[in-house]
């Protein structure tokens, strides 16, 4: 209707505010899934290096994979809780847990006692 020194009291009848574009909600889940694949690859390469006798490199990759698995599980859980890529996040949590070097060490030590 009227303006007072740059302050608009009521918006003019012909002007409408644009609705913001919806942001993609899958990025966090896909990011955590990618981190899970990186964790699985680092764990696999670390095991292969240890089997070939290159222990320094395998220890470094084990530490790297452990940190990446923690980040994978946390980001995947955040994706599941917030709804930003729930399916990707759930798969990332499973991959992050299963490819964690400390868990694999426990499982292998337990399995060696069976036979």
PDB file of N, CA and C in Angstrom:
ATOM      1  N   UNK A   1       0.812  -1.172   0.000  1.00  0.00           N
ATOM      2  CA  UNK A   1       0.000   0.000   0.000  1.00  0.00           C
ATOM      3  C   UNK A   1       0.861   1.243   0.000  1.00  0.00           C
ATOM      4  N   UNK A   2       1.636   1.405   1.042  1.00  0.00           N
ATOM      5  CA  UNK A   2       2.465   2.601   1.082  1.00  0.00           C
ATOM      6  C   UNK A   2       3.829   2.263   1.664  1.00  0.00           C
ATOM      7  N   UNK A   3       4.774   3.097   1.337  1.00  0.00           N
ATOM      8  CA  UNK A   3       6.134   2.899   1.823  1.00  0.00           C
ATOM      9  C   UNK A   3       6.533   4.089   2.678  1.00  0.00           C
ATOM     10  N   UNK A   4       7.287   3.850   3.700  1.00  0.00           N
ATOM     11  CA  UNK A   4       7.818   4.911   4.556  1.00  0.00           C
ATOM     12  C   UNK A   4       9.327   4.827   4.566  1.00  0.00           C
ATOM     13  N   UNK A   5       9.986   5.676   3.846  1.00  0.00           N
ATOM     14  CA  UNK A   5      11.445   5.787   3.806  1.00  0.00           C
ATOM     15  C   UNK A   5      12.133   4.425   3.626  1.00  0.00           C
ATOM     16  N   UNK A   6      11.745   3.664   2.642  1.00  0.00           N
ATOM     17  CA  UNK A   6      12.399   2.402   2.342  1.00  0.00           C
ATOM     18  C   UNK A   6      11.855   1.214   3.114  1.00  0.00           C
ATOM     19  N   UNK A   7      10.962   1.433   4.043  1.00  0.00           N
ATOM     20  CA  UNK A   7      10.376   0.319   4.784  1.00  0.00           C
ATOM     21  C   UNK A   7       9.028   0.013   4.146  1.00  0.00           C
ATOM     22  N   UNK A   8       8.867  -1.214   3.748  1.00  0.00           N
ATOM     23  CA  UNK A   8       7.645  -1.582   3.062  1.00  0.00           C
ATOM     24  C   UNK A   8       6.656  -2.127   4.082  1.00  0.00           C
ATOM     25  N   UNK A   9       5.511  -1.493   4.203  1.00  0.00           N
ATOM     26  CA  UNK A   9       4.519  -1.916   5.187  1.00  0.00           C
ATOM     27  C   UNK A   9       3.786  -3.148   4.695  1.00  0.00           C
ATOM     28  N   UNK A  10       3.267  -3.105   3.494  1.00  0.00           N
ATOM     29  CA  UNK A  10       2.610  -4.245   2.887  1.00  0.00           C
ATOM     30  C   UNK A  10       3.222  -4.435   1.515  1.00  0.00           C
ATOM     31  N   UNK A  11       3.378  -5.679   1.133  1.00  0.00           N
ATOM     32  CA  UNK A  11       3.957  -5.911  -0.184  1.00  0.00           C
ATOM     33  C   UNK A  11       2.945  -5.532  -1.266  1.00  0.00           C
ATOM     34  N   UNK A  12       3.436  -5.033  -2.387  1.00  0.00           N
ATOM     35  CA  UNK A  12       2.537  -4.691  -3.485  1.00  0.00           C
ATOM     36  C   UNK A  12       1.772  -5.929  -3.941  1.00  0.00           C
ATOM     37  N   UNK A  13       0.560  -5.777  -4.405  1.00  0.00           N
ATOM     38  CA  UNK A  13      -0.271  -6.940  -4.729  1.00  0.00           C
ATOM     39  C   UNK A  13       0.295  -7.818  -5.841  1.00  0.00           C
ATOM     40  N   UNK A  14       1.059  -7.289  -6.789  1.00  0.00           N
ATOM     41  CA  UNK A  14       1.535  -8.087  -7.908  1.00  0.00           C
ATOM     42  C   UNK A  14       2.823  -8.830  -7.635  1.00  0.00           C
ATOM     43  N   UNK A  15       3.477  -8.568  -6.518  1.00  0.00           N
ATOM     44  CA  UNK A  15       4.781  -9.162  -6.253  1.00  0.00           C
ATOM     45  C   UNK A  15       4.647 -10.354  -5.306  1.00  0.00           C
ATOM     46  N   UNK A  16       5.257 -11.468  -5.683  1.00  0.00           N
ATOM     47  CA  UNK A  16       5.237 -12.656  -4.846  1.00  0.00           C
ATOM     48  C   UNK A  16       6.665 -13.105  -4.590  1.00  0.00           C
ATOM     49  N   UNK A  17       6.845 -13.714  -3.480  1.00  0.00           N
ATOM     50  CA  UNK A  17       8.177 -14.247  -3.159  1.00  0.00           C
ATOM     51  C   UNK A  17       8.346 -15.610  -3.806  1.00  0.00           C
ATOM     52  N   UNK A  18       9.514 -15.813  -4.322  1.00  0.00           N
ATOM     53  CA  UNK A  18       9.809 -17.106  -4.946  1.00  0.00           C
ATOM     54  C   UNK A  18      10.084 -18.139  -3.866  1.00  0.00           C
ATOM     55  N   UNK A  19       9.575 -19.318  -4.051  1.00  0.00           N
ATOM     56  CA  UNK A  19       9.849 -20.388  -3.100  1.00  0.00           C
ATOM     57  C   UNK A  19      11.257 -20.900  -3.355  1.00  0.00           C
ATOM     58  N   UNK A  20      12.001 -21.170  -2.300  1.00  0.00           N
ATOM     59  CA  UNK A  20      13.370 -21.667  -2.514  1.00  0.00           C
ATOM     60  C   UNK A  20      13.346 -23.062  -3.113  1.00  0.00           C
ATOM     61  N   UNK A  21      14.342 -23.326  -3.946  1.00  0.00           N
ATOM     62  CA  UNK A  21      14.457 -24.650  -4.553  1.00  0.00           C
ATOM     63  C   UNK A  21      14.770 -25.678  -3.489  1.00  0.00           C
ATOM     64  N   UNK A  22      14.136 -26.828  -3.538  1.00  0.00           N
ATOM     65  CA  UNK A  22      14.463 -27.856  -2.546  1.00  0.00           C
ATOM     66  C   UNK A  22      15.873 -28.390  -2.780  1.00  0.00           C
ATOM     67  N   UNK A  23      16.611 -28.507  -1.696  1.00  0.00           N
ATOM     68  CA  UNK A  23      17.975 -29.018  -1.805  1.00  0.00           C
ATOM     69  C   UNK A  23      17.946 -30.531  -1.917  1.00  0.00           C
ATOM     70  N   UNK A  24      18.889 -31.089  -2.658  1.00  0.00           N
ATOM     71  CA  UNK A  24      18.952 -32.550  -2.710  1.00  0.00           C
ATOM     72  C   UNK A  24      19.283 -33.106  -1.329  1.00  0.00           C
ATOM     73  N   UNK A  25      18.557 -34.112  -0.933  1.00  0.00           N
ATOM     74  CA  UNK A  25      18.693 -34.633   0.415  1.00  0.00           C
ATOM     75  C   UNK A  25      19.477 -35.951   0.456  1.00  0.00           C
ATOM     76  N   UNK A  26      20.136 -36.313  -0.608  1.00  0.00           N
ATOM     77  CA  UNK A  26      20.818 -37.591  -0.661  1.00  0.00           C
ATOM     78  C   UNK A  26      22.326 -37.455  -0.531  1.00  0.00           C
ATOM     79  N   UNK A  27      22.858 -36.250  -0.475  1.00  0.00           N
ATOM     80  CA  UNK A  27      24.314 -36.065  -0.524  1.00  0.00           C
ATOM     81  C   UNK A  27      25.040 -36.691   0.656  1.00  0.00           C
ATOM     82  N   UNK A  28      24.517 -36.527   1.863  1.00  0.00           N
ATOM     83  CA  UNK A  28      25.200 -37.064   3.036  1.00  0.00           C
ATOM     84  C   UNK A  28      25.263 -38.583   2.988  1.00  0.00           C
ATOM     85  N   UNK A  29      24.188 -39.219   2.560  1.00  0.00           N
ATOM     86  CA  UNK A  29      24.182 -40.676   2.446  1.00  0.00           C
ATOM     87  C   UNK A  29      25.165 -41.184   1.419  1.00  0.00           C
ATOM     88  N   UNK A  30      25.220 -40.518   0.273  1.00  0.00           N
ATOM     89  CA  UNK A  30      26.150 -40.936  -0.780  1.00  0.00           C
ATOM     90  C   UNK A  30      27.591 -40.683  -0.356  1.00  0.00           C
ATOM     91  N   UNK A  31      27.827 -39.577   0.342  1.00  0.00           N
ATOM     92  CA  UNK A  31      29.165 -39.289   0.853  1.00  0.00           C
ATOM     93  C   UNK A  31      29.611 -40.355   1.848  1.00  0.00           C
ATOM     94  N   UNK A  32      28.733 -40.753   2.735  1.00  0.00           N
ATOM     95  CA  UNK A  32      29.099 -41.781   3.701  1.00  0.00           C
ATOM     96  C   UNK A  32      29.285 -43.139   3.020  1.00  0.00           C
ATOM     97  N   UNK A  33      28.504 -43.409   1.972  1.00  0.00           N
ATOM     98  CA  UNK A  33      28.694 -44.650   1.222  1.00  0.00           C
ATOM     99  C   UNK A  33      30.058 -44.667   0.537  1.00  0.00           C
ATOM    100  N   UNK A  34      30.445 -43.528  -0.023  1.00  0.00           N
ATOM    101  CA  UNK A  34      31.779 -43.424  -0.638  1.00  0.00           C
ATOM    102  C   UNK A  34      32.883 -43.624   0.384  1.00  0.00           C
ATOM    103  N   UNK A  35      32.690 -43.071   1.582  1.00  0.00           N
ATOM    104  CA  UNK A  35      33.675 -43.286   2.647  1.00  0.00           C
ATOM    105  C   UNK A  35      33.728 -44.754   3.046  1.00  0.00           C
ATOM    106  N   UNK A  36      32.585 -45.432   3.011  1.00  0.00           N
ATOM    107  CA  UNK A  36      32.561 -46.867   3.301  1.00  0.00           C
ATOM    108  C   UNK A  36      33.315 -47.681   2.270  1.00  0.00           C
ATOM    109  N   UNK A  37      33.159 -47.314   1.006  1.00  0.00           N
ATOM    110  CA  UNK A  37      33.922 -48.010  -0.040  1.00  0.00           C
ATOM    111  C   UNK A  37      35.414 -47.752   0.101  1.00  0.00           C
ATOM    112  N   UNK A  38      35.777 -46.519   0.487  1.00  0.00           N
ATOM    113  CA  UNK A  38      37.191 -46.209   0.728  1.00  0.00           C
ATOM    114  C   UNK A  38      37.726 -47.038   1.896  1.00  0.00           C
ATOM    115  N   UNK A  39      36.928 -47.192   2.940  1.00  0.00           N
ATOM    116  CA  UNK A  39      37.341 -47.994   4.092  1.00  0.00           C
ATOM    117  C   UNK A  39      37.573 -49.443   3.684  1.00  0.00           C
ATOM    118  N   UNK A  40      36.645 -49.994   2.912  1.00  0.00           N
ATOM    119  CA  UNK A  40      36.798 -51.385   2.478  1.00  0.00           C
ATOM    120  C   UNK A  40      38.026 -51.552   1.584  1.00  0.00           C
ATOM    121  N   UNK A  41      38.267 -50.591   0.702  1.00  0.00           N
ATOM    122  CA  UNK A  41      39.438 -50.678  -0.173  1.00  0.00           C
ATOM    123  C   UNK A  41      40.733 -50.546   0.615  1.00  0.00           C
ATOM    124  N   UNK A  42      40.781 -49.617   1.574  1.00  0.00           N
ATOM    125  CA  UNK A  42      41.991 -49.442   2.384  1.00  0.00           C
ATOM    126  C   UNK A  42      42.269 -50.673   3.237  1.00  0.00           C
ATOM    127  N   UNK A  43      41.230 -51.283   3.764  1.00  0.00           N
ATOM    128  CA  UNK A  43      41.406 -52.502   4.558  1.00  0.00           C
ATOM    129  C   UNK A  43      41.915 -53.636   3.686  1.00  0.00           C
ATOM    130  N   UNK A  44      41.362 -53.785   2.496  1.00  0.00           N
ATOM    131  CA  UNK A  44      41.784 -54.853   1.595  1.00  0.00           C
ATOM    132  C   UNK A  44      43.238 -54.671   1.167  1.00  0.00           C
ATOM    133  N   UNK A  45      43.601 -53.461   0.794  1.00  0.00           N
ATOM    134  CA  UNK A  45      44.984 -53.202   0.380  1.00  0.00           C
ATOM    135  C   UNK A  45      45.935 -53.398   1.567  1.00  0.00           C
ATOM    136  N   UNK A  46      45.519 -52.993   2.755  1.00  0.00           N
ATOM    137  CA  UNK A  46      46.348 -53.193   3.948  1.00  0.00           C
ATOM    138  C   UNK A  46      46.589 -54.665   4.236  1.00  0.00           C
ATOM    139  N   UNK A  47      45.561 -55.475   4.074  1.00  0.00           N
ATOM    140  CA  UNK A  47      45.717 -56.923   4.288  1.00  0.00           C
ATOM    141  C   UNK A  47      46.648 -57.513   3.233  1.00  0.00           C
ATOM    142  N   UNK A  48      46.495 -57.075   1.990  1.00  0.00           N
ATOM    143  CA  UNK A  48      47.378 -57.587   0.929  1.00  0.00           C
ATOM    144  C   UNK A  48      48.831 -57.175   1.160  1.00  0.00           C
ATOM    145  N   UNK A  49      49.035 -55.946   1.646  1.00  0.00           N
ATOM    146  CA  UNK A  49      50.405 -55.518   1.953  1.00  0.00           C
ATOM    147  C   UNK A  49      50.993 -56.317   3.109  1.00  0.00           C
ATOM    148  N   UNK A  50      50.186 -56.607   4.111  1.00  0.00           N
ATOM    149  CA  UNK A  50      50.680 -57.395   5.249  1.00  0.00           C
ATOM    150  C   UNK A  50      51.027 -58.817   4.820  1.00  0.00           C
ATOM    151  N   UNK A  51      50.244 -59.364   3.906  1.00  0.00           N
ATOM    152  CA  UNK A  51      50.528 -60.718   3.439  1.00  0.00           C
ATOM    153  C   UNK A  51      51.787 -60.775   2.587  1.00  0.00           C
ATOM    154  N   UNK A  52      52.156 -59.660   1.958  1.00  0.00           N
ATOM    155  CA  UNK A  52      53.369 -59.655   1.154  1.00  0.00           C
ATOM    156  C   UNK A  52      54.595 -59.216   1.959  1.00  0.00           C
ATOM    157  N   UNK A  53      54.431 -58.942   3.248  1.00  0.00           N
ATOM    158  CA  UNK A  53      55.566 -58.622   4.105  1.00  0.00           C
ATOM    159  C   UNK A  53      55.871 -57.143   4.242  1.00  0.00           C
ATOM    160  N   UNK A  54      55.073 -56.274   3.712  1.00  0.00           N
ATOM    161  CA  UNK A  54      55.296 -54.826   3.821  1.00  0.00           C
ATOM    162  C   UNK A  54      54.483 -54.301   5.012  1.00  0.00           C
ATOM    163  N   UNK A  55      55.037 -54.475   6.198  1.00  0.00           N
ATOM    164  CA  UNK A  55      54.280 -54.219   7.422  1.00  0.00           C
ATOM    165  C   UNK A  55      54.094 -52.734   7.719  1.00  0.00           C
ATOM    166  N   UNK A  56      55.059 -51.893   7.359  1.00  0.00           N
ATOM    167  CA  UNK A  56      54.923 -50.467   7.658  1.00  0.00           C
ATOM    168  C   UNK A  56      53.740 -49.861   6.900  1.00  0.00           C
ATOM    169  N   UNK A  57      53.643 -50.186   5.635  1.00  0.00           N
ATOM    170  CA  UNK A  57      52.526 -49.688   4.827  1.00  0.00           C
ATOM    171  C   UNK A  57      51.190 -50.246   5.277  1.00  0.00           C
ATOM    172  N   UNK A  58      51.192 -51.508   5.680  1.00  0.00           N
ATOM    173  CA  UNK A  58      49.932 -52.111   6.120  1.00  0.00           C
ATOM    174  C   UNK A  58      49.470 -51.522   7.449  1.00  0.00           C
ATOM    175  N   UNK A  59      50.410 -51.182   8.332  1.00  0.00           N
ATOM    176  CA  UNK A  59      50.037 -50.557   9.607  1.00  0.00           C
ATOM    177  C   UNK A  59      49.463 -49.167   9.356  1.00  0.00           C
ATOM    178  N   UNK A  60      50.090 -48.419   8.457  1.00  0.00           N
ATOM    179  CA  UNK A  60      49.581 -47.088   8.118  1.00  0.00           C
ATOM    180  C   UNK A  60      48.169 -47.174   7.529  1.00  0.00           C
ATOM    181  N   UNK A  61      47.943 -48.126   6.628  1.00  0.00           N
ATOM    182  CA  UNK A  61      46.613 -48.292   6.050  1.00  0.00           C
ATOM    183  C   UNK A  61      45.598 -48.783   7.074  1.00  0.00           C
ATOM    184  N   UNK A  62      46.045 -49.564   8.048  1.00  0.00           N
ATOM    185  CA  UNK A  62      45.125 -50.015   9.100  1.00  0.00           C
ATOM    186  C   UNK A  62      44.649 -48.834   9.937  1.00  0.00           C
ATOM    187  N   UNK A  63      45.569 -47.932  10.279  1.00  0.00           N
ATOM    188  CA  UNK A  63      45.157 -46.740  11.024  1.00  0.00           C
ATOM    189  C   UNK A  63      44.237 -45.856  10.189  1.00  0.00           C
ATOM    190  N   UNK A  64      44.558 -45.694   8.925  1.00  0.00           N
ATOM    191  CA  UNK A  64      43.736 -44.892   8.025  1.00  0.00           C
ATOM    192  C   UNK A  64      42.340 -45.502   7.859  1.00  0.00           C
ATOM    193  N   UNK A  65      42.285 -46.800   7.702  1.00  0.00           N
ATOM    194  CA  UNK A  65      40.997 -47.475   7.536  1.00  0.00           C
ATOM    195  C   UNK A  65      40.177 -47.434   8.821  1.00  0.00           C
ATOM    196  N   UNK A  66      40.836 -47.478   9.978  1.00  0.00           N
ATOM    197  CA  UNK A  66      40.104 -47.388  11.241  1.00  0.00           C
ATOM    198  C   UNK A  66      39.447 -46.018  11.389  1.00  0.00           C
ATOM    199  N   UNK A  67      40.200 -44.965  11.101  1.00  0.00           N
ATOM    200  CA  UNK A  67      39.622 -43.622  11.157  1.00  0.00           C
ATOM    201  C   UNK A  67      38.514 -43.430  10.139  1.00  0.00           C
ATOM    202  N   UNK A  68      38.718 -43.968   8.944  1.00  0.00           N
ATOM    203  CA  UNK A  68      37.692 -43.843   7.902  1.00  0.00           C
ATOM    204  C   UNK A  68      36.441 -44.640   8.265  1.00  0.00           C
ATOM    205  N   UNK A  69      36.602 -45.773   8.946  1.00  0.00           N
ATOM    206  CA  UNK A  69      35.420 -46.550   9.331  1.00  0.00           C
ATOM    207  C   UNK A  69      34.617 -45.829  10.406  1.00  0.00           C
ATOM    208  N   UNK A  70      35.305 -45.150  11.316  1.00  0.00           N
ATOM    209  CA  UNK A  70      34.593 -44.366  12.331  1.00  0.00           C
ATOM    210  C   UNK A  70      33.819 -43.225  11.661  1.00  0.00           C
ATOM    211  N   UNK A  71      34.471 -42.532  10.725  1.00  0.00           N
ATOM    212  CA  UNK A  71      33.800 -41.442  10.005  1.00  0.00           C
ATOM    213  C   UNK A  71      32.635 -41.974   9.176  1.00  0.00           C
ATOM    214  N   UNK A  72      32.793 -43.139   8.585  1.00  0.00           N
ATOM    215  CA  UNK A  72      31.732 -43.737   7.785  1.00  0.00           C
ATOM    216  C   UNK A  72      30.507 -44.046   8.628  1.00  0.00           C
ATOM    217  N   UNK A  73      30.738 -44.666   9.775  1.00  0.00           N
ATOM    218  CA  UNK A  73      29.614 -45.034  10.639  1.00  0.00           C
ATOM    219  C   UNK A  73      28.914 -43.790  11.174  1.00  0.00           C
ATOM    220  N   UNK A  74      29.681 -42.778  11.571  1.00  0.00           N
ATOM    221  CA  UNK A  74      29.065 -41.560  12.093  1.00  0.00           C
ATOM    222  C   UNK A  74      28.282 -40.809  11.013  1.00  0.00           C
ATOM    223  N   UNK A  75      28.860 -40.668   9.830  1.00  0.00           N
ATOM    224  CA  UNK A  75      28.151 -39.973   8.741  1.00  0.00           C
ATOM    225  C   UNK A  75      26.949 -40.781   8.269  1.00  0.00           C
ATOM    226  N   UNK A  76      27.093 -42.091   8.204  1.00  0.00           N
ATOM    227  CA  UNK A  76      25.960 -42.933   7.808  1.00  0.00           C
ATOM    228  C   UNK A  76      24.829 -42.866   8.813  1.00  0.00           C
ATOM    229  N   UNK A  77      25.177 -42.870  10.098  1.00  0.00           N
ATOM    230  CA  UNK A  77      24.141 -42.748  11.129  1.00  0.00           C
ATOM    231  C   UNK A  77      23.471 -41.382  11.062  1.00  0.00           C
ATOM    232  N   UNK A  78      24.240 -40.341  10.800  1.00  0.00           N
ATOM    233  CA  UNK A  78      23.654 -39.003  10.662  1.00  0.00           C
ATOM    234  C   UNK A  78      22.727 -38.943   9.453  1.00  0.00           C
ATOM    235  N   UNK A  79      23.101 -39.613   8.375  1.00  0.00           N
ATOM    236  CA  UNK A  79      22.244 -39.635   7.184  1.00  0.00           C
ATOM    237  C   UNK A  79      20.940 -40.374   7.468  1.00  0.00           C
ATOM    238  N   UNK A  80      21.015 -41.452   8.219  1.00  0.00           N
ATOM    239  CA  UNK A  80      19.806 -42.207   8.549  1.00  0.00           C
ATOM    240  C   UNK A  80      18.899 -41.405   9.470  1.00  0.00           C
ATOM    241  N   UNK A  81      19.478 -40.765  10.483  1.00  0.00           N
ATOM    242  CA  UNK A  81      18.683 -40.028  11.461  1.00  0.00           C
ATOM    243  C   UNK A  81      18.047 -38.786  10.843  1.00  0.00           C
ATOM    244  N   UNK A  82      18.812 -38.045  10.040  1.00  0.00           N
ATOM    245  CA  UNK A  82      18.287 -36.801   9.483  1.00  0.00           C
ATOM    246  C   UNK A  82      17.478 -37.009   8.208  1.00  0.00           C
ATOM    247  N   UNK A  83      17.506 -38.194   7.641  1.00  0.00           N
ATOM    248  CA  UNK A  83      16.740 -38.458   6.427  1.00  0.00           C
ATOM    249  C   UNK A  83      17.405 -37.958   5.168  1.00  0.00           C
ATOM    250  N   UNK A  84      18.684 -37.765   5.194  1.00  0.00           N
ATOM    251  CA  UNK A  84      19.416 -37.288   4.016  1.00  0.00           C
ATOM    252  C   UNK A  84      20.145 -38.453   3.362  1.00  0.00           C
ATOM    253  N   UNK A  85      19.426 -39.247   2.641  1.00  0.00           N
ATOM    254  CA  UNK A  85      20.002 -40.422   1.999  1.00  0.00           C
ATOM    255  C   UNK A  85      19.979 -41.614   2.929  1.00  0.00           C
ATOM    256  N   UNK A  86      18.792 -41.942   3.428  1.00  0.00           N
ATOM    257  CA  UNK A  86      18.679 -43.006   4.436  1.00  0.00           C
ATOM    258  C   UNK A  86      19.194 -44.350   3.949  1.00  0.00           C
ATOM    259  N   UNK A  87      18.825 -44.735   2.750  1.00  0.00           N
ATOM    260  CA  UNK A  87      19.269 -46.033   2.225  1.00  0.00           C
ATOM    261  C   UNK A  87      20.776 -46.099   2.071  1.00  0.00           C
ATOM    262  N   UNK A  88      21.352 -45.046   1.469  1.00  0.00           N
ATOM    263  CA  UNK A  88      22.808 -44.985   1.302  1.00  0.00           C
ATOM    264  C   UNK A  88      23.481 -44.990   2.670  1.00  0.00           C
ATOM    265  N   UNK A  89      22.928 -44.247   3.612  1.00  0.00           N
ATOM    266  CA  UNK A  89      23.520 -44.175   4.947  1.00  0.00           C
ATOM    267  C   UNK A  89      23.484 -45.502   5.677  1.00  0.00           C
ATOM    268  N   UNK A  90      22.376 -46.231   5.544  1.00  0.00           N
ATOM    269  CA  UNK A  90      22.268 -47.534   6.205  1.00  0.00           C
ATOM    270  C   UNK A  90      23.283 -48.525   5.639  1.00  0.00           C
ATOM    271  N   UNK A  91      23.434 -48.515   4.319  1.00  0.00           N
ATOM    272  CA  UNK A  91      24.430 -49.398   3.698  1.00  0.00           C
ATOM    273  C   UNK A  91      25.838 -48.986   4.123  1.00  0.00           C
ATOM    274  N   UNK A  92      26.070 -47.689   4.239  1.00  0.00           N
ATOM    275  CA  UNK A  92      27.388 -47.203   4.658  1.00  0.00           C
ATOM    276  C   UNK A  92      27.703 -47.628   6.083  1.00  0.00           C
ATOM    277  N   UNK A  93      26.718 -47.618   6.966  1.00  0.00           N
ATOM    278  CA  UNK A  93      26.950 -48.065   8.345  1.00  0.00           C
ATOM    279  C   UNK A  93      27.356 -49.534   8.360  1.00  0.00           C
ATOM    280  N   UNK A  94      26.667 -50.347   7.590  1.00  0.00           N
ATOM    281  CA  UNK A  94      26.996 -51.781   7.536  1.00  0.00           C
ATOM    282  C   UNK A  94      28.400 -51.992   6.972  1.00  0.00           C
ATOM    283  N   UNK A  95      28.731 -51.305   5.884  1.00  0.00           N
ATOM    284  CA  UNK A  95      30.068 -51.438   5.286  1.00  0.00           C
ATOM    285  C   UNK A  95      31.136 -50.941   6.256  1.00  0.00           C
ATOM    286  N   UNK A  96      30.869 -49.817   6.913  1.00  0.00           N
ATOM    287  CA  UNK A  96      31.842 -49.258   7.853  1.00  0.00           C
ATOM    288  C   UNK A  96      32.123 -50.172   9.022  1.00  0.00           C
ATOM    289  N   UNK A  97      31.088 -50.840   9.505  1.00  0.00           N
ATOM    290  CA  UNK A  97      31.283 -51.760  10.634  1.00  0.00           C
ATOM    291  C   UNK A  97      32.003 -53.025  10.179  1.00  0.00           C
ATOM    292  N   UNK A  98      31.584 -53.569   9.055  1.00  0.00           N
ATOM    293  CA  UNK A  98      32.179 -54.834   8.606  1.00  0.00           C
ATOM    294  C   UNK A  98      33.609 -54.690   8.102  1.00  0.00           C
ATOM    295  N   UNK A  99      33.992 -53.528   7.627  1.00  0.00           N
ATOM    296  CA  UNK A  99      35.354 -53.371   7.115  1.00  0.00           C
ATOM    297  C   UNK A  99      36.267 -52.659   8.106  1.00  0.00           C
ATOM    298  N   UNK A 100      35.884 -52.587   9.341  1.00  0.00           N
ATOM    299  CA  UNK A 100      36.713 -51.972  10.368  1.00  0.00           C
ATOM    300  C   UNK A 100      37.852 -52.916  10.756  1.00  0.00           C
ATOM    301  N   UNK A 101      39.106 -52.474  10.673  1.00  0.00           N
ATOM    302  CA  UNK A 101      40.225 -53.359  11.010  1.00  0.00           C
ATOM    303  C   UNK A 101      40.194 -53.911  12.448  1.00  0.00           C
ATOM    304  N   UNK A 102      39.818 -53.126  13.466  1.00  0.00           N
ATOM    305  CA  UNK A 102      39.746 -53.735  14.800  1.00  0.00           C
ATOM    306  C   UNK A 102      38.716 -54.861  14.886  1.00  0.00           C
ATOM    307  N   UNK A 103      37.575 -54.701  14.233  1.00  0.00           N
ATOM    308  CA  UNK A 103      36.575 -55.764  14.240  1.00  0.00           C
ATOM    309  C   UNK A 103      37.069 -56.982  13.474  1.00  0.00           C
ATOM    310  N   UNK A 104      37.714 -56.753  12.334  1.00  0.00           N
ATOM    311  CA  UNK A 104      38.256 -57.880  11.570  1.00  0.00           C
ATOM    312  C   UNK A 104      39.326 -58.623  12.357  1.00  0.00           C
ATOM    313  N   UNK A 105      40.134 -57.894  13.119  1.00  0.00           N
ATOM    314  CA  UNK A 105      41.154 -58.538  13.944  1.00  0.00           C
ATOM    315  C   UNK A 105      40.514 -59.421  15.004  1.00  0.00           C
ATOM    316  N   UNK A 106      39.478 -58.918  15.654  1.00  0.00           N
ATOM    317  CA  UNK A 106      38.761 -59.716  16.673  1.00  0.00           C
ATOM    318  C   UNK A 106      38.118 -60.951  16.053  1.00  0.00           C
ATOM    319  N   UNK A 107      37.484 -60.766  14.901  1.00  0.00           N
ATOM    320  CA  UNK A 107      36.830 -61.907  14.246  1.00  0.00           C
ATOM    321  C   UNK A 107      37.840 -62.961  13.813  1.00  0.00           C
ATOM    322  N   UNK A 108      38.971 -62.518  13.260  1.00  0.00           N
ATOM    323  CA  UNK A 108      39.989 -63.483  12.823  1.00  0.00           C
ATOM    324  C   UNK A 108      40.640 -64.194  13.990  1.00  0.00           C
ATOM    325  N   UNK A 109      40.861 -63.498  15.095  1.00  0.00           N
ATOM    326  CA  UNK A 109      41.432 -64.178  16.268  1.00  0.00           C
ATOM    327  C   UNK A 109      40.435 -65.178  16.863  1.00  0.00           C
ATOM    328  N   UNK A 110      39.138 -64.830  16.839  1.00  0.00           N
ATOM    329  CA  UNK A 110      38.123 -65.749  17.320  1.00  0.00           C
ATOM    330  C   UNK A 110      38.028 -66.972  16.403  1.00  0.00           C
ATOM    331  N   UNK A 111      38.074 -66.723  15.073  1.00  0.00           N
ATOM    332  CA  UNK A 111      37.947 -67.811  14.116  1.00  0.00           C
ATOM    333  C   UNK A 111      39.181 -68.729  14.143  1.00  0.00           C
ATOM    334  N   UNK A 112      40.340 -68.198  14.491  1.00  0.00           N
ATOM    335  CA  UNK A 112      41.538 -69.042  14.549  1.00  0.00           C
ATOM    336  C   UNK A 112      41.471 -70.021  15.717  1.00  0.00           C
ATOM    337  N   UNK A 113      40.729 -69.676  16.741  1.00  0.00           N
ATOM    338  CA  UNK A 113      40.573 -70.587  17.875  1.00  0.00           C
ATOM    339  C   UNK A 113      39.584 -71.704  17.634  1.00  0.00           C
ATOM    340  N   UNK A 114      38.801 -71.603  16.582  1.00  0.00           N
ATOM    341  CA  UNK A 114      37.803 -72.626  16.300  1.00  0.00           C
ATOM    342  C   UNK A 114      38.410 -73.894  15.725  1.00  0.00           C
ATOM    343  N   UNK A 115      39.465 -73.748  14.938  1.00  0.00           N
ATOM    344  CA  UNK A 115      40.014 -74.887  14.241  1.00  0.00           C
ATOM    345  C   UNK A 115      41.099 -75.534  14.907  1.00  0.00           C
TER     346      UNK A 115
END
